Amino acid sequence: MIDEEGVNVGVVSFYDALDRAEEQGLDLVEIAPNSVPPVCKLLDYGRFKYQSQKKAAEARKNQKVVEIKEVKLRPGIDDHDYDVKMKQSRKFFEEGDKVKITLRFRGREMAHQDLGVQVLDRVRTDVADVAKVESEPRLEGKQMIMILAPR
């Protein structure tokens, strides 16, 4: 048994421990039921439960949800437009988000899918220092999609 100050009292019979808890107005809580003999502690259970709920809420508050941000490109994207999109992608990676690069083909651009693959390879090499490829480029209808995750 462990008392309210955290001092190990030693092996005590169940009834003695229960009497001691009632005298002090505390609860007898079993901490390690699988050990021999089981370990119990004297504490205010309501207060203990409140503190554990508070810790759990604090842990949830500090948790970061990973979002997937989308950056849309075209096969014939100009250099400046490409640089702006890459700057934005880097910002997303620094925030810890994943980025979905969507390359959209229109009309006759579908005949030149190699241009789209070149753009996506360029993206891959430009952000290689801050991101890794989570999903290789694949064609879905008229779009080529690649997902990148922060390192």
N, C-alpha and C. Protein backbone atom coordinates (compact mmCIF):
# COMPACT_ATOMS: atom_id res chain seq x y z
N MET A 1 0.84 -1.19 0.00
CA MET A 1 0.00 0.00 0.00
C MET A 1 0.88 1.25 0.00
N ILE A 2 0.40 2.26 -0.71
CA ILE A 2 1.10 3.55 -0.75
C ILE A 2 0.16 4.58 -0.16
N ASP A 3 0.67 5.40 0.77
CA ASP A 3 -0.21 6.39 1.42
C ASP A 3 -0.34 7.65 0.56
N GLU A 4 -1.09 8.65 1.09
CA GLU A 4 -1.41 9.85 0.29
C GLU A 4 -0.20 10.71 -0.06
N GLU A 5 0.91 10.59 0.70
CA GLU A 5 2.12 11.35 0.38
C GLU A 5 3.01 10.61 -0.61
N GLY A 6 2.65 9.39 -1.00
CA GLY A 6 3.45 8.62 -1.94
C GLY A 6 4.49 7.75 -1.25
N VAL A 7 4.39 7.58 0.10
CA VAL A 7 5.34 6.76 0.85
C VAL A 7 4.83 5.31 0.86
N ASN A 8 5.73 4.39 0.59
CA ASN A 8 5.38 2.97 0.59
C ASN A 8 5.22 2.49 2.02
N VAL A 9 3.99 2.12 2.40
CA VAL A 9 3.70 1.66 3.75
C VAL A 9 4.09 0.19 3.92
N GLY A 10 4.02 -0.57 2.84
CA GLY A 10 4.34 -2.00 2.90
C GLY A 10 3.09 -2.82 2.68
N VAL A 11 3.18 -4.11 2.96
CA VAL A 11 2.05 -5.01 2.76
C VAL A 11 1.10 -4.86 3.95
N VAL A 12 -0.16 -4.52 3.65
CA VAL A 12 -1.18 -4.29 4.66
C VAL A 12 -2.41 -5.10 4.24
N SER A 13 -3.14 -5.63 5.21
CA SER A 13 -4.34 -6.39 4.85
C SER A 13 -5.38 -5.44 4.24
N PHE A 14 -6.25 -6.02 3.46
CA PHE A 14 -7.25 -5.23 2.74
C PHE A 14 -8.12 -4.43 3.70
N TYR A 15 -8.55 -5.07 4.79
CA TYR A 15 -9.46 -4.40 5.72
C TYR A 15 -8.76 -3.27 6.47
N ASP A 16 -7.47 -3.48 6.82
CA ASP A 16 -6.71 -2.40 7.48
C ASP A 16 -6.55 -1.21 6.53
N ALA A 17 -6.27 -1.50 5.28
CA ALA A 17 -6.10 -0.44 4.29
C ALA A 17 -7.41 0.31 4.09
N LEU A 18 -8.51 -0.41 4.04
CA LEU A 18 -9.82 0.22 3.86
C LEU A 18 -10.18 1.09 5.07
N ASP A 19 -9.89 0.59 6.28
CA ASP A 19 -10.14 1.38 7.50
C ASP A 19 -9.32 2.66 7.50
N ARG A 20 -8.05 2.52 7.12
CA ARG A 20 -7.15 3.69 7.09
C ARG A 20 -7.67 4.74 6.09
N ALA A 21 -8.17 4.28 4.93
CA ALA A 21 -8.70 5.19 3.91
C ALA A 21 -9.93 5.91 4.44
N GLU A 22 -10.80 5.19 5.13
CA GLU A 22 -12.01 5.81 5.67
C GLU A 22 -11.69 6.83 6.75
N GLU A 23 -10.70 6.53 7.59
CA GLU A 23 -10.29 7.47 8.64
C GLU A 23 -9.83 8.80 8.05
N GLN A 24 -9.10 8.73 6.95
CA GLN A 24 -8.54 9.95 6.35
C GLN A 24 -9.48 10.58 5.32
N GLY A 25 -10.62 9.94 5.09
CA GLY A 25 -11.58 10.48 4.13
C GLY A 25 -11.12 10.37 2.68
N LEU A 26 -10.33 9.33 2.40
CA LEU A 26 -9.82 9.11 1.05
C LEU A 26 -10.35 7.81 0.49
N ASP A 27 -10.00 7.52 -0.76
CA ASP A 27 -10.41 6.28 -1.42
C ASP A 27 -9.21 5.36 -1.54
N LEU A 28 -9.47 4.05 -1.51
CA LEU A 28 -8.43 3.05 -1.72
C LEU A 28 -8.52 2.62 -3.18
N VAL A 29 -7.49 2.98 -3.96
CA VAL A 29 -7.50 2.73 -5.40
C VAL A 29 -6.43 1.71 -5.75
N GLU A 30 -6.83 0.67 -6.50
CA GLU A 30 -5.89 -0.37 -6.93
C GLU A 30 -5.13 0.14 -8.14
N ILE A 31 -3.80 0.25 -8.02
CA ILE A 31 -2.98 0.79 -9.10
C ILE A 31 -2.41 -0.31 -9.99
N ALA A 32 -1.84 -1.34 -9.39
CA ALA A 32 -1.24 -2.44 -10.15
C ALA A 32 -1.89 -3.75 -9.71
N PRO A 33 -3.01 -4.13 -10.36
CA PRO A 33 -3.72 -5.33 -9.93
C PRO A 33 -3.00 -6.63 -10.28
N ASN A 34 -2.10 -6.62 -11.26
CA ASN A 34 -1.45 -7.86 -11.70
C ASN A 34 -0.21 -8.21 -10.89
N SER A 35 0.29 -7.28 -10.09
CA SER A 35 1.48 -7.59 -9.29
C SER A 35 1.09 -8.43 -8.07
N VAL A 36 2.08 -9.08 -7.47
CA VAL A 36 1.83 -9.90 -6.28
C VAL A 36 2.64 -9.32 -5.14
N PRO A 37 2.06 -8.83 -4.07
CA PRO A 37 0.64 -8.54 -3.88
C PRO A 37 0.22 -7.30 -4.67
N PRO A 38 -1.09 -7.14 -4.94
CA PRO A 38 -1.56 -5.97 -5.71
C PRO A 38 -1.21 -4.66 -5.00
N VAL A 39 -0.89 -3.63 -5.77
CA VAL A 39 -0.51 -2.34 -5.19
C VAL A 39 -1.74 -1.43 -5.16
N CYS A 40 -2.00 -0.84 -3.97
CA CYS A 40 -3.10 0.09 -3.80
C CYS A 40 -2.57 1.40 -3.27
N LYS A 41 -3.33 2.47 -3.50
CA LYS A 41 -2.89 3.80 -3.08
C LYS A 41 -4.06 4.53 -2.45
N LEU A 42 -3.78 5.31 -1.43
CA LEU A 42 -4.80 6.15 -0.80
C LEU A 42 -4.81 7.49 -1.52
N LEU A 43 -5.97 7.86 -2.08
CA LEU A 43 -6.08 9.16 -2.75
C LEU A 43 -7.53 9.55 -2.88
N ASP A 44 -7.75 10.83 -3.20
CA ASP A 44 -9.10 11.33 -3.45
C ASP A 44 -9.42 11.01 -4.91
N TYR A 45 -10.27 10.02 -5.13
CA TYR A 45 -10.51 9.52 -6.48
C TYR A 45 -11.14 10.57 -7.39
N GLY A 46 -12.06 11.38 -6.86
CA GLY A 46 -12.70 12.43 -7.66
C GLY A 46 -11.67 13.42 -8.20
N ARG A 47 -10.74 13.80 -7.33
CA ARG A 47 -9.69 14.74 -7.73
C ARG A 47 -8.74 14.09 -8.75
N PHE A 48 -8.43 12.80 -8.53
CA PHE A 48 -7.56 12.06 -9.44
C PHE A 48 -8.19 11.98 -10.83
N LYS A 49 -9.49 11.67 -10.86
CA LYS A 49 -10.21 11.56 -12.13
C LYS A 49 -10.23 12.90 -12.85
N TYR A 50 -10.46 13.99 -12.12
CA TYR A 50 -10.50 15.34 -12.70
C TYR A 50 -9.15 15.70 -13.31
N GLN A 51 -8.06 15.39 -12.59
CA GLN A 51 -6.73 15.71 -13.09
C GLN A 51 -6.39 14.90 -14.34
N SER A 52 -6.79 13.63 -14.37
CA SER A 52 -6.50 12.81 -15.55
C SER A 52 -7.29 13.30 -16.76
N GLN A 53 -8.53 13.76 -16.55
CA GLN A 53 -9.31 14.31 -17.65
C GLN A 53 -8.68 15.60 -18.17
N LYS A 54 -8.15 16.40 -17.24
CA LYS A 54 -7.50 17.65 -17.62
C LYS A 54 -6.25 17.38 -18.45
N LYS A 55 -5.46 16.36 -18.05
CA LYS A 55 -4.26 15.99 -18.81
C LYS A 55 -4.63 15.52 -20.20
N ALA A 56 -5.70 14.71 -20.30
CA ALA A 56 -6.13 14.20 -21.60
C ALA A 56 -6.59 15.34 -22.51
N ALA A 57 -7.30 16.32 -21.96
CA ALA A 57 -7.76 17.46 -22.74
C ALA A 57 -6.57 18.29 -23.22
N GLU A 58 -5.58 18.45 -22.36
CA GLU A 58 -4.36 19.20 -22.73
C GLU A 58 -3.62 18.49 -23.85
N ALA A 59 -3.54 17.17 -23.79
CA ALA A 59 -2.87 16.40 -24.83
C ALA A 59 -3.61 16.52 -26.16
N ARG A 60 -4.94 16.50 -26.11
CA ARG A 60 -5.73 16.67 -27.34
C ARG A 60 -5.54 18.05 -27.94
N LYS A 61 -5.43 19.06 -27.07
CA LYS A 61 -5.28 20.43 -27.54
C LYS A 61 -3.96 20.63 -28.27
N ASN A 62 -2.91 19.96 -27.79
CA ASN A 62 -1.59 20.12 -28.38
C ASN A 62 -1.37 19.25 -29.61
N GLN A 63 -2.34 18.41 -29.95
CA GLN A 63 -2.20 17.51 -31.09
C GLN A 63 -2.36 18.29 -32.39
N LYS A 64 -1.51 17.99 -33.37
CA LYS A 64 -1.58 18.66 -34.68
C LYS A 64 -2.25 17.72 -35.66
N VAL A 65 -3.32 18.17 -36.28
CA VAL A 65 -4.00 17.38 -37.29
C VAL A 65 -3.33 17.67 -38.63
N VAL A 66 -2.87 16.63 -39.31
CA VAL A 66 -2.20 16.80 -40.59
C VAL A 66 -3.25 16.99 -41.67
N GLU A 67 -3.18 18.12 -42.34
CA GLU A 67 -4.11 18.40 -43.42
C GLU A 67 -3.44 18.13 -44.75
N ILE A 68 -4.25 17.92 -45.77
CA ILE A 68 -3.72 17.79 -47.12
C ILE A 68 -4.09 19.05 -47.88
N LYS A 69 -3.08 19.83 -48.25
CA LYS A 69 -3.28 21.04 -49.03
C LYS A 69 -3.10 20.68 -50.50
N GLU A 70 -3.81 21.36 -51.36
CA GLU A 70 -3.73 21.05 -52.78
C GLU A 70 -3.13 22.20 -53.55
N VAL A 71 -2.19 21.88 -54.46
CA VAL A 71 -1.59 22.85 -55.35
C VAL A 71 -1.89 22.39 -56.77
N LYS A 72 -2.55 23.26 -57.55
CA LYS A 72 -2.95 22.88 -58.91
C LYS A 72 -1.98 23.49 -59.91
N LEU A 73 -1.52 22.66 -60.84
CA LEU A 73 -0.59 23.08 -61.88
C LEU A 73 -1.16 22.72 -63.25
N ARG A 74 -0.53 23.26 -64.29
CA ARG A 74 -0.85 22.90 -65.67
C ARG A 74 0.45 22.48 -66.34
N PRO A 75 0.39 21.68 -67.39
CA PRO A 75 1.62 21.21 -68.04
C PRO A 75 2.47 22.35 -68.61
N GLY A 76 1.85 23.43 -69.09
CA GLY A 76 2.62 24.53 -69.68
C GLY A 76 2.82 25.68 -68.72
N ILE A 77 2.98 25.40 -67.42
CA ILE A 77 3.09 26.46 -66.42
C ILE A 77 4.36 27.28 -66.65
N ASP A 78 4.25 28.58 -66.48
CA ASP A 78 5.38 29.49 -66.68
C ASP A 78 6.28 29.45 -65.44
N ASP A 79 7.54 29.87 -65.60
CA ASP A 79 8.52 29.77 -64.52
C ASP A 79 8.11 30.54 -63.27
N HIS A 80 7.64 31.79 -63.45
CA HIS A 80 7.28 32.58 -62.27
C HIS A 80 6.09 31.97 -61.54
N ASP A 81 5.09 31.53 -62.29
CA ASP A 81 3.92 30.90 -61.67
C ASP A 81 4.35 29.64 -60.92
N TYR A 82 5.25 28.88 -61.52
CA TYR A 82 5.77 27.67 -60.89
C TYR A 82 6.48 28.02 -59.58
N ASP A 83 7.31 29.07 -59.60
CA ASP A 83 8.05 29.48 -58.39
C ASP A 83 7.10 29.88 -57.27
N VAL A 84 6.02 30.59 -57.63
CA VAL A 84 5.03 31.01 -56.62
C VAL A 84 4.39 29.77 -55.99
N LYS A 85 4.02 28.79 -56.82
CA LYS A 85 3.40 27.56 -56.32
C LYS A 85 4.37 26.78 -55.42
N MET A 86 5.64 26.75 -55.78
CA MET A 86 6.63 26.02 -54.98
C MET A 86 6.87 26.72 -53.65
N LYS A 87 6.86 28.05 -53.65
CA LYS A 87 7.02 28.81 -52.41
C LYS A 87 5.86 28.49 -51.45
N GLN A 88 4.65 28.44 -52.03
CA GLN A 88 3.47 28.11 -51.23
C GLN A 88 3.56 26.68 -50.70
N SER A 89 4.02 25.75 -51.53
CA SER A 89 4.17 24.35 -51.11
C SER A 89 5.17 24.23 -49.96
N ARG A 90 6.28 24.94 -50.06
CA ARG A 90 7.29 24.91 -48.99
C ARG A 90 6.70 25.41 -47.67
N LYS A 91 5.86 26.44 -47.76
CA LYS A 91 5.21 26.97 -46.56
C LYS A 91 4.31 25.91 -45.93
N PHE A 92 3.59 25.16 -46.78
CA PHE A 92 2.73 24.09 -46.27
C PHE A 92 3.56 23.01 -45.57
N PHE A 93 4.71 22.65 -46.15
CA PHE A 93 5.57 21.63 -45.55
C PHE A 93 6.11 22.09 -44.21
N GLU A 94 6.47 23.37 -44.10
CA GLU A 94 6.98 23.91 -42.83
C GLU A 94 5.92 23.86 -41.74
N GLU A 95 4.65 23.99 -42.14
CA GLU A 95 3.55 23.91 -41.17
C GLU A 95 3.21 22.46 -40.82
N GLY A 96 3.85 21.50 -41.51
CA GLY A 96 3.62 20.09 -41.22
C GLY A 96 2.50 19.45 -42.01
N ASP A 97 2.03 20.13 -43.05
CA ASP A 97 0.92 19.59 -43.84
C ASP A 97 1.44 18.81 -45.05
N LYS A 98 0.63 17.89 -45.53
CA LYS A 98 0.93 17.18 -46.77
C LYS A 98 0.43 18.03 -47.93
N VAL A 99 1.03 17.82 -49.10
CA VAL A 99 0.63 18.60 -50.27
C VAL A 99 0.27 17.64 -51.41
N LYS A 100 -0.89 17.87 -51.98
CA LYS A 100 -1.35 17.09 -53.13
C LYS A 100 -1.14 17.97 -54.37
N ILE A 101 -0.24 17.52 -55.24
CA ILE A 101 0.04 18.26 -56.47
C ILE A 101 -0.89 17.70 -57.55
N THR A 102 -1.75 18.54 -58.08
CA THR A 102 -2.69 18.13 -59.12
C THR A 102 -2.30 18.83 -60.41
N LEU A 103 -2.00 18.05 -61.43
CA LEU A 103 -1.63 18.59 -62.74
C LEU A 103 -2.78 18.29 -63.67
N ARG A 104 -3.44 19.34 -64.15
CA ARG A 104 -4.65 19.15 -64.94
C ARG A 104 -4.36 19.32 -66.43
N PHE A 105 -4.84 18.35 -67.21
CA PHE A 105 -4.70 18.40 -68.67
C PHE A 105 -6.02 18.86 -69.26
N ARG A 106 -5.95 19.72 -70.30
CA ARG A 106 -7.16 20.15 -70.99
C ARG A 106 -7.01 19.89 -72.49
N GLY A 107 -8.05 19.37 -73.06
CA GLY A 107 -8.10 19.19 -74.51
C GLY A 107 -6.97 18.34 -75.06
N ARG A 108 -6.20 18.92 -75.97
CA ARG A 108 -5.14 18.18 -76.65
C ARG A 108 -3.91 17.97 -75.78
N GLU A 109 -3.86 18.59 -74.60
CA GLU A 109 -2.73 18.38 -73.69
C GLU A 109 -2.63 16.91 -73.27
N MET A 110 -3.72 16.18 -73.34
CA MET A 110 -3.71 14.75 -72.97
C MET A 110 -2.78 13.95 -73.87
N ALA A 111 -2.55 14.44 -75.08
CA ALA A 111 -1.65 13.75 -76.00
C ALA A 111 -0.18 13.90 -75.59
N HIS A 112 0.10 14.89 -74.73
CA HIS A 112 1.48 15.16 -74.31
C HIS A 112 1.62 14.99 -72.80
N GLN A 113 1.31 13.79 -72.32
CA GLN A 113 1.40 13.53 -70.89
C GLN A 113 2.84 13.55 -70.40
N ASP A 114 3.79 13.38 -71.32
CA ASP A 114 5.20 13.42 -70.93
C ASP A 114 5.56 14.80 -70.39
N LEU A 115 4.93 15.88 -70.89
CA LEU A 115 5.18 17.22 -70.35
C LEU A 115 4.73 17.31 -68.89
N GLY A 116 3.59 16.67 -68.58
CA GLY A 116 3.09 16.65 -67.21
C GLY A 116 4.03 15.90 -66.28
N VAL A 117 4.54 14.77 -66.77
CA VAL A 117 5.49 13.98 -65.97
C VAL A 117 6.75 14.80 -65.69
N GLN A 118 7.20 15.57 -66.71
CA GLN A 118 8.39 16.42 -66.52
C GLN A 118 8.15 17.48 -65.45
N VAL A 119 6.96 18.09 -65.45
CA VAL A 119 6.63 19.11 -64.44
C VAL A 119 6.63 18.48 -63.05
N LEU A 120 6.03 17.31 -62.91
CA LEU A 120 5.97 16.65 -61.60
C LEU A 120 7.36 16.20 -61.14
N ASP A 121 8.21 15.77 -62.06
CA ASP A 121 9.59 15.42 -61.70
C ASP A 121 10.35 16.66 -61.23
N ARG A 122 10.08 17.79 -61.89
CA ARG A 122 10.71 19.06 -61.48
C ARG A 122 10.27 19.43 -60.06
N VAL A 123 8.97 19.26 -59.79
CA VAL A 123 8.45 19.53 -58.44
C VAL A 123 9.16 18.64 -57.43
N ARG A 124 9.27 17.36 -57.75
CA ARG A 124 9.89 16.39 -56.85
C ARG A 124 11.32 16.80 -56.50
N THR A 125 12.10 17.19 -57.52
CA THR A 125 13.51 17.56 -57.25
C THR A 125 13.61 18.88 -56.51
N ASP A 126 12.70 19.84 -56.80
CA ASP A 126 12.77 21.15 -56.15
C ASP A 126 12.42 21.12 -54.67
N VAL A 127 11.56 20.20 -54.26
CA VAL A 127 11.17 20.15 -52.84
C VAL A 127 11.77 18.93 -52.14
N ALA A 128 12.74 18.28 -52.75
CA ALA A 128 13.33 17.06 -52.18
C ALA A 128 13.95 17.29 -50.81
N ASP A 129 14.45 18.51 -50.55
CA ASP A 129 15.09 18.79 -49.26
C ASP A 129 14.08 18.92 -48.11
N VAL A 130 12.82 19.27 -48.40
CA VAL A 130 11.83 19.45 -47.34
C VAL A 130 10.70 18.42 -47.38
N ALA A 131 10.59 17.65 -48.48
CA ALA A 131 9.47 16.72 -48.60
C ALA A 131 9.89 15.43 -49.29
N LYS A 132 9.10 14.40 -49.02
CA LYS A 132 9.32 13.11 -49.68
C LYS A 132 8.03 12.70 -50.38
N VAL A 133 8.17 11.90 -51.43
CA VAL A 133 7.00 11.48 -52.20
C VAL A 133 6.28 10.38 -51.44
N GLU A 134 5.02 10.63 -51.15
CA GLU A 134 4.21 9.63 -50.45
C GLU A 134 3.45 8.77 -51.46
N SER A 135 3.03 9.39 -52.55
CA SER A 135 2.29 8.69 -53.58
C SER A 135 2.86 9.12 -54.94
N GLU A 136 3.35 8.16 -55.69
CA GLU A 136 3.95 8.45 -57.00
C GLU A 136 2.90 9.05 -57.94
N PRO A 137 3.35 9.81 -58.96
CA PRO A 137 2.38 10.40 -59.90
C PRO A 137 1.55 9.33 -60.59
N ARG A 138 0.25 9.53 -60.62
CA ARG A 138 -0.64 8.60 -61.30
C ARG A 138 -1.73 9.40 -62.03
N LEU A 139 -2.20 8.84 -63.11
CA LEU A 139 -3.19 9.51 -63.93
C LEU A 139 -4.59 9.10 -63.49
N GLU A 140 -5.42 10.09 -63.18
CA GLU A 140 -6.82 9.84 -62.82
C GLU A 140 -7.69 10.70 -63.72
N GLY A 141 -8.21 10.11 -64.74
CA GLY A 141 -9.03 10.87 -65.69
C GLY A 141 -8.16 11.86 -66.45
N LYS A 142 -8.47 13.15 -66.33
CA LYS A 142 -7.70 14.19 -67.01
C LYS A 142 -6.70 14.87 -66.08
N GLN A 143 -6.43 14.24 -64.93
CA GLN A 143 -5.50 14.83 -63.96
C GLN A 143 -4.41 13.85 -63.62
N MET A 144 -3.23 14.38 -63.33
CA MET A 144 -2.13 13.57 -62.83
C MET A 144 -1.90 14.04 -61.40
N ILE A 145 -1.90 13.11 -60.46
CA ILE A 145 -1.84 13.46 -59.03
C ILE A 145 -0.62 12.85 -58.37
N MET A 146 0.03 13.65 -57.51
CA MET A 146 1.17 13.18 -56.73
C MET A 146 1.01 13.77 -55.33
N ILE A 147 1.24 12.95 -54.28
CA ILE A 147 1.11 13.44 -52.91
C ILE A 147 2.50 13.45 -52.27
N LEU A 148 2.83 14.60 -51.66
CA LEU A 148 4.12 14.79 -50.98
C LEU A 148 3.87 15.00 -49.50
N ALA A 149 4.78 14.46 -48.68
CA ALA A 149 4.66 14.61 -47.23
C ALA A 149 5.92 15.28 -46.70
N PRO A 150 5.82 16.07 -45.63
CA PRO A 150 7.01 16.73 -45.08
C PRO A 150 7.98 15.71 -44.50
N ARG A 151 9.26 16.04 -44.53
CA ARG A 151 10.29 15.14 -43.97
C ARG A 151 10.31 15.24 -42.47
